[in-house]
Amino acid sequence: MQARKLTFDEAWSSITIFFVDNNLEDEIDREVNALLQQIGQVGLADGQTLSRDQLAELLRTQQGSLQLILKEIGLSEEKFMRIISVLRQIGRINAPLDREWNIDQITQRVAADPSLADQVAGLLLNGARDPVLQTLVPRYYLETLNLNAFLSAPLTARRVRYKQSLAGTYSGRKGYRVEALVREQLEGIQRKHGVSFERGTTRLVNVNADFAIPTLEDPWVIVMCSFQETTSSGQSTKARDMEAAYRDVCTSNSRHKENRAFVNFADGGGWLARKRDFERLVRECHYFINLKHLVMLESIVLDHVPRKYFRP
């Protein structure tokens, strides 16, 4: 595919809204299955409910049980630490709030102190109905403290909840997988033509280059990558940063009479709600590519990298 500047309409109409990677989906499924297996191993089998005494004993004797329970109810370790701090602040837990306990410290104290294990068990089972905590902890967090309701839910609901707990992991890995496709394209160019690539800080722009071709010291093509399936305010910052980097390359080209290229790679349905930012990414670059136009990279490299960097 010959290198050329895509129009905005071409870029917009060729967005890959969802990137499907069956290997990644299988990885997440395996992690969910592993969580279910671990939950069963610590005595939280499907459909089982627990008394306060049973849960306190489990927390004291089963290493890692607290962390698994927090995954079960969908409460982050950080927010659980905050709730424990509230209990210390109001004197429910007999320990002054001089500094916050991290999750490992809470786990160790629970294992060593039966009375604290009992309090934590009561919190996990009935915290949602505690009238004092209802005035001190937002319902958004407090209503998760209803463990038996989660344990008695159908297995399909528990699987969905575990998958949701891995949302950040899933999104991050997907971004890496998409970037890996760009890297694979560059590796193919390197095998075919001998032109190398690097990543990191380069003198040409004020952002870390995702890919500098052929080297960071002498980059003739800079590729910056962004894959977004969800929308965030950070996309506006990304668009501004990429515009500034593009201007830096243009200034350098003008000053030194060179032909270096700045390439924006952006894709994913998260850009649909950030149309203006996406339009800036398409406009403020020498070339715009996405997954459907990734093969254009070879022609960009051939057009801009000096022949001395090619294999003889």
Protein backbone atom coordinates (compact mmCIF):
# COMPACT_ATOMS: atom_id res chain seq x y z
CA MET A 1 0.00 0.00 0.00
CA GLN A 2 1.49 3.31 -1.09
CA ALA A 3 2.17 5.84 1.67
CA ARG A 4 -0.30 8.73 1.66
CA LYS A 5 -2.11 10.99 4.06
CA LEU A 6 -5.53 9.53 4.88
CA THR A 7 -8.47 11.89 4.89
CA PHE A 8 -10.43 12.24 8.08
CA ASP A 9 -13.40 10.43 6.52
CA GLU A 10 -11.15 7.50 5.57
CA ALA A 11 -9.68 7.33 9.07
CA TRP A 12 -13.08 7.66 10.75
CA SER A 13 -14.81 5.05 8.62
CA SER A 14 -12.01 2.51 9.11
CA ILE A 15 -11.88 2.59 12.93
CA THR A 16 -11.68 -0.87 14.51
CA ILE A 17 -14.24 -0.33 17.27
CA PHE A 18 -13.44 -3.54 19.16
CA PHE A 19 -10.14 -5.35 18.75
CA VAL A 20 -10.80 -9.08 19.00
CA ASP A 21 -7.91 -11.24 20.18
CA ASN A 22 -9.03 -14.76 20.98
CA ASN A 23 -5.75 -15.57 22.72
CA LEU A 24 -6.34 -12.67 25.12
CA GLU A 25 -9.95 -13.75 25.69
CA ASP A 26 -8.69 -17.25 26.53
CA GLU A 27 -6.12 -15.78 28.96
CA ILE A 28 -8.83 -13.86 30.82
CA ASP A 29 -11.07 -16.94 30.93
CA ARG A 30 -8.23 -18.95 32.44
CA GLU A 31 -7.67 -16.29 35.10
CA VAL A 32 -11.38 -16.24 35.95
CA ASN A 33 -11.39 -20.04 36.23
CA ALA A 34 -8.32 -19.87 38.46
CA LEU A 35 -10.08 -17.37 40.75
CA LEU A 36 -13.12 -19.63 40.99
CA GLN A 37 -10.88 -22.56 41.83
CA GLN A 38 -9.04 -20.57 44.50
CA ILE A 39 -12.32 -19.42 46.03
CA GLY A 40 -13.40 -23.05 46.27
CA GLN A 41 -10.08 -24.11 47.80
CA VAL A 42 -10.42 -21.66 50.69
CA GLY A 43 -13.92 -22.94 51.52
CA LEU A 44 -16.14 -20.63 49.49
CA ALA A 45 -17.72 -23.15 47.18
CA ASP A 46 -20.46 -22.20 44.73
CA GLY A 47 -23.79 -21.57 46.47
CA GLN A 48 -22.32 -21.81 49.98
CA THR A 49 -23.05 -19.24 52.69
CA LEU A 50 -21.06 -18.66 55.86
CA SER A 51 -21.76 -17.84 59.47
CA ARG A 52 -19.73 -15.12 61.16
CA ASP A 53 -17.74 -17.71 63.12
CA GLN A 54 -17.00 -19.73 59.98
CA LEU A 55 -15.80 -16.66 58.12
CA ALA A 56 -13.65 -15.45 61.01
CA GLU A 57 -11.99 -18.88 61.18
CA LEU A 58 -11.42 -18.87 57.42
CA LEU A 59 -9.85 -15.39 57.55
CA ARG A 60 -7.50 -16.45 60.33
CA THR A 61 -6.39 -19.76 58.88
CA GLN A 62 -6.57 -19.53 55.08
CA GLN A 63 -3.79 -17.43 53.60
CA GLY A 64 -5.03 -15.10 50.86
CA SER A 65 -8.69 -15.59 51.75
CA LEU A 66 -9.32 -11.90 52.46
CA GLN A 67 -7.98 -10.85 49.06
CA LEU A 68 -10.12 -13.47 47.33
CA ILE A 69 -13.21 -12.36 49.23
CA LEU A 70 -12.63 -8.76 48.16
CA LYS A 71 -12.52 -9.97 44.55
CA GLU A 72 -15.72 -11.91 45.19
CA ILE A 73 -17.62 -8.83 46.38
CA GLY A 74 -15.97 -6.45 43.91
CA LEU A 75 -14.41 -4.13 46.49
CA SER A 76 -10.87 -2.90 45.87
CA GLU A 77 -8.20 -3.53 48.47
CA GLU A 78 -7.66 0.22 48.72
CA LYS A 79 -11.31 0.96 49.55
CA PHE A 80 -11.35 -1.88 52.08
CA MET A 81 -8.28 -0.35 53.74
CA ARG A 82 -10.21 2.97 53.95
CA ILE A 83 -13.16 1.28 55.63
CA ILE A 84 -10.87 -0.36 58.18
CA SER A 85 -9.44 3.11 58.82
CA VAL A 86 -12.96 4.38 59.49
CA LEU A 87 -13.50 1.61 62.05
CA ARG A 88 -10.25 2.53 63.76
CA GLN A 89 -11.15 6.22 63.70
CA ILE A 90 -14.48 5.66 65.47
CA GLY A 91 -13.02 3.17 67.96
CA ARG A 92 -14.66 0.01 66.64
CA ILE A 93 -11.19 -1.43 66.14
CA ASN A 94 -9.00 -0.87 69.15
CA ALA A 95 -6.00 0.67 67.37
CA PRO A 96 -5.37 4.41 66.99
CA LEU A 97 -5.42 5.76 63.45
CA ASP A 98 -1.80 6.92 63.40
CA ARG A 99 -1.23 5.54 59.91
CA GLU A 100 -3.23 3.41 57.53
CA TRP A 101 -2.73 -0.35 57.49
CA ASN A 102 -2.06 -1.82 54.08
CA ILE A 103 -3.77 -5.03 53.03
CA ASP A 104 -0.84 -7.24 54.12
CA GLN A 105 -0.81 -5.65 57.56
CA ILE A 106 -4.57 -6.16 57.90
CA THR A 107 -4.19 -9.80 56.87
CA GLN A 108 -1.41 -10.40 59.37
CA ARG A 109 -3.31 -8.75 62.22
CA VAL A 110 -6.47 -10.71 61.42
CA ALA A 111 -4.51 -13.98 61.49
CA ALA A 112 -3.00 -13.11 64.89
CA ASP A 113 -6.04 -11.58 66.60
CA PRO A 114 -9.29 -13.62 66.84
CA SER A 115 -11.28 -10.57 67.98
CA LEU A 116 -10.19 -8.58 64.93
CA ALA A 117 -10.96 -11.57 62.69
CA ASP A 118 -14.48 -11.59 64.18
CA GLN A 119 -14.91 -7.86 63.51
CA VAL A 120 -13.72 -8.17 59.92
CA ALA A 121 -15.98 -11.17 59.38
CA GLY A 122 -18.94 -9.17 60.66
CA LEU A 123 -17.99 -6.27 58.39
CA LEU A 124 -17.80 -8.47 55.30
CA LEU A 125 -21.12 -10.19 56.06
CA ASN A 126 -23.23 -7.34 57.40
CA GLY A 127 -21.44 -4.05 56.79
CA ALA A 128 -24.06 -2.99 54.24
CA ARG A 129 -26.67 -2.94 57.03
CA ASP A 130 -24.57 -1.19 59.68
CA PRO A 131 -26.41 2.06 60.59
CA VAL A 132 -23.26 3.83 61.77
CA LEU A 133 -21.25 2.96 58.69
CA GLN A 134 -24.17 4.07 56.52
CA THR A 135 -23.44 7.64 57.67
CA LEU A 136 -19.67 7.36 57.14
CA VAL A 137 -19.12 5.21 54.04
CA PRO A 138 -20.69 5.85 50.61
CA ARG A 139 -23.33 3.29 49.61
CA TYR A 140 -21.35 2.62 46.44
CA TYR A 141 -18.72 0.85 48.56
CA LEU A 142 -20.75 -0.15 51.60
CA GLU A 143 -23.31 -2.20 49.68
CA THR A 144 -20.59 -4.61 48.58
CA LEU A 145 -20.19 -5.71 52.22
CA ASN A 146 -22.84 -8.40 51.91
CA LEU A 147 -20.76 -11.50 51.23
CA ASN A 148 -23.41 -14.21 51.45
CA ALA A 149 -25.53 -12.50 48.81
CA PHE A 150 -22.57 -12.68 46.43
CA LEU A 151 -21.77 -16.29 47.31
CA SER A 152 -25.34 -17.40 46.69
CA ALA A 153 -25.47 -15.75 43.25
CA PRO A 154 -25.51 -18.01 40.16
CA LEU A 155 -22.13 -19.12 38.84
CA THR A 156 -22.63 -17.13 35.63
CA ALA A 157 -23.06 -13.92 37.63
CA ARG A 158 -19.92 -14.66 39.63
CA ARG A 159 -17.95 -15.24 36.42
CA VAL A 160 -19.11 -11.91 35.01
CA ARG A 161 -18.15 -10.17 38.25
CA TYR A 162 -14.68 -11.70 38.21
CA LYS A 163 -14.24 -10.61 34.60
CA GLN A 164 -15.24 -7.09 35.57
CA SER A 165 -12.61 -7.14 38.30
CA LEU A 166 -10.03 -7.80 35.58
CA ALA A 167 -11.23 -4.89 33.40
CA GLY A 168 -8.06 -2.84 33.93
CA THR A 169 -5.87 -5.85 33.21
CA TYR A 170 -7.90 -6.66 30.09
CA SER A 171 -7.75 -3.11 28.73
CA GLY A 172 -4.01 -2.78 29.40
CA ARG A 173 -3.17 -6.09 27.76
CA LYS A 174 -5.30 -5.24 24.74
CA GLY A 175 -3.33 -2.02 24.25
CA TYR A 176 -0.10 -4.01 24.40
CA ARG A 177 -1.45 -6.53 21.88
CA VAL A 178 -2.33 -3.78 19.40
CA GLU A 179 1.07 -2.15 19.85
CA ALA A 180 2.63 -5.58 19.29
CA LEU A 181 0.99 -5.68 15.85
CA VAL A 182 2.73 -2.42 14.97
CA ARG A 183 6.00 -3.87 16.24
CA GLU A 184 5.47 -7.04 14.19
CA GLN A 185 5.00 -4.90 11.09
CA LEU A 186 8.28 -3.12 11.81
CA GLU A 187 10.03 -6.42 12.47
CA GLY A 188 8.88 -7.61 9.06
CA ILE A 189 10.31 -4.45 7.48
CA GLN A 190 13.58 -5.03 9.34
CA ARG A 191 13.83 -8.61 8.07
CA LYS A 192 13.05 -7.53 4.53
CA HIS A 193 15.08 -4.32 4.27
CA GLY A 194 17.45 -4.33 7.24
CA VAL A 195 16.02 -1.08 8.69
CA SER A 196 16.01 -1.20 12.49
CA PHE A 197 13.81 0.56 15.04
CA GLU A 198 14.06 1.62 18.69
CA ARG A 199 11.83 3.09 21.37
CA GLY A 200 12.45 5.68 24.06
CA THR A 201 13.65 9.25 24.35
CA THR A 202 14.77 10.98 21.19
CA ARG A 203 16.15 14.46 20.59
CA LEU A 204 13.51 15.25 17.98
CA VAL A 205 10.34 15.38 20.14
CA ASN A 206 9.50 16.00 23.79
CA VAL A 207 7.66 12.70 24.30
CA ASN A 208 8.99 9.16 24.45
CA ALA A 209 8.82 7.69 20.99
CA ASP A 210 6.86 4.44 20.77
CA PHE A 211 8.91 3.58 17.69
CA ALA A 212 11.82 5.54 16.21
CA ILE A 213 13.08 4.32 12.83
CA PRO A 214 15.90 3.51 12.38
CA THR A 215 17.36 4.79 15.69
CA LEU A 216 16.59 7.12 18.58
CA GLU A 217 19.73 9.07 17.73
CA ASP A 218 18.69 9.59 14.12
CA PRO A 219 14.91 9.05 13.77
CA TRP A 220 13.59 9.52 10.25
CA VAL A 221 10.19 8.05 11.05
CA ILE A 222 8.54 8.38 14.47
CA VAL A 223 5.43 6.29 15.17
CA MET A 224 3.20 7.11 18.15
CA CYS A 225 0.49 4.61 19.16
CA SER A 226 -2.85 4.94 20.93
CA PHE A 227 -5.55 2.28 21.13
CA GLN A 228 -8.70 3.23 23.08
CA GLU A 229 -11.79 1.07 23.40
CA THR A 230 -13.05 3.27 26.25
CA THR A 231 -13.19 7.05 26.38
CA SER A 232 -11.19 9.17 28.81
CA SER A 233 -10.25 12.81 29.32
CA GLY A 234 -6.64 11.79 28.73
CA GLN A 235 -7.37 11.53 25.02
CA SER A 236 -7.47 15.33 24.74
CA THR A 237 -4.04 15.51 26.39
CA LYS A 238 -2.81 12.83 23.99
CA ALA A 239 -4.02 14.83 20.98
CA ARG A 240 -2.31 18.00 22.24
CA ASP A 241 0.96 16.19 22.93
CA MET A 242 0.96 14.57 19.50
CA GLU A 243 0.26 17.91 17.84
CA ALA A 244 3.24 19.47 19.65
CA ALA A 245 5.48 16.54 18.66
CA TYR A 246 4.41 16.85 15.04
CA ARG A 247 5.22 20.57 15.09
CA ASP A 248 8.67 19.76 16.49
CA VAL A 249 9.36 17.43 13.57
CA CYS A 250 8.08 20.00 11.07
CA THR A 251 10.30 22.68 12.60
CA SER A 252 13.33 20.41 12.44
CA ASN A 253 12.58 19.54 8.80
CA SER A 254 12.30 23.19 7.88
CA ARG A 255 15.50 24.17 9.69
CA HIS A 256 17.64 21.33 8.33
CA LYS A 257 15.95 20.78 4.93
CA GLU A 258 15.11 17.19 5.86
CA ASN A 259 12.22 14.82 5.20
CA ARG A 260 11.54 13.15 8.56
CA ALA A 261 8.01 11.83 9.13
CA PHE A 262 5.74 11.85 12.16
CA VAL A 263 3.14 9.05 12.15
CA ASN A 264 0.08 8.83 14.37
CA PHE A 265 -1.37 5.37 14.93
CA ALA A 266 -4.76 5.63 16.66
CA ASP A 267 -7.64 3.18 16.76
CA GLY A 268 -10.46 1.84 18.91
CA GLY A 269 -14.07 2.76 19.62
CA GLY A 270 -13.06 5.06 22.46
CA TRP A 271 -12.23 7.70 19.86
CA LEU A 272 -15.84 7.78 18.62
CA ALA A 273 -16.83 9.99 21.56
CA ARG A 274 -13.73 12.16 21.08
CA LYS A 275 -14.24 13.07 17.45
CA ARG A 276 -12.50 16.46 17.66
CA ASP A 277 -9.44 14.96 19.34
CA PHE A 278 -9.39 12.17 16.78
CA GLU A 279 -9.62 14.73 13.99
CA ARG A 280 -6.57 16.53 15.41
CA LEU A 281 -4.62 13.25 15.43
CA VAL A 282 -5.49 12.66 11.79
CA ARG A 283 -4.71 16.24 10.76
CA GLU A 284 -1.57 16.95 12.82
CA CYS A 285 0.82 14.37 11.40
CA HIS A 286 2.54 13.49 8.16
CA TYR A 287 0.73 10.14 8.07
CA PHE A 288 -2.16 8.64 9.99
CA ILE A 289 -2.56 4.87 10.19
CA ASN A 290 -4.77 2.40 12.00
CA LEU A 291 -5.09 -1.39 12.03
CA LYS A 292 -6.71 -1.45 8.61
CA HIS A 293 -3.91 0.65 7.08
CA LEU A 294 -0.98 -0.79 9.02
CA VAL A 295 0.70 -2.17 5.89
CA MET A 296 1.30 1.43 4.82
CA LEU A 297 4.21 1.54 7.27
CA GLU A 298 6.55 -0.18 4.84
CA SER A 299 6.01 2.44 2.18
CA ILE A 300 6.49 5.25 4.74
CA VAL A 301 9.83 3.76 5.80
CA LEU A 302 10.93 3.34 2.16
CA ASP A 303 10.00 6.95 1.36
CA HIS A 304 11.69 8.63 4.33
CA VAL A 305 14.57 6.58 5.75
CA PRO A 306 17.92 7.29 3.97
CA ARG A 307 19.29 4.41 1.92
CA LYS A 308 22.38 4.10 4.11
CA TYR A 309 20.21 2.43 6.76
CA PHE A 310 19.00 -0.31 4.39
CA ARG A 311 20.68 -3.66 3.99
CA PRO A 312 23.06 -3.60 1.01
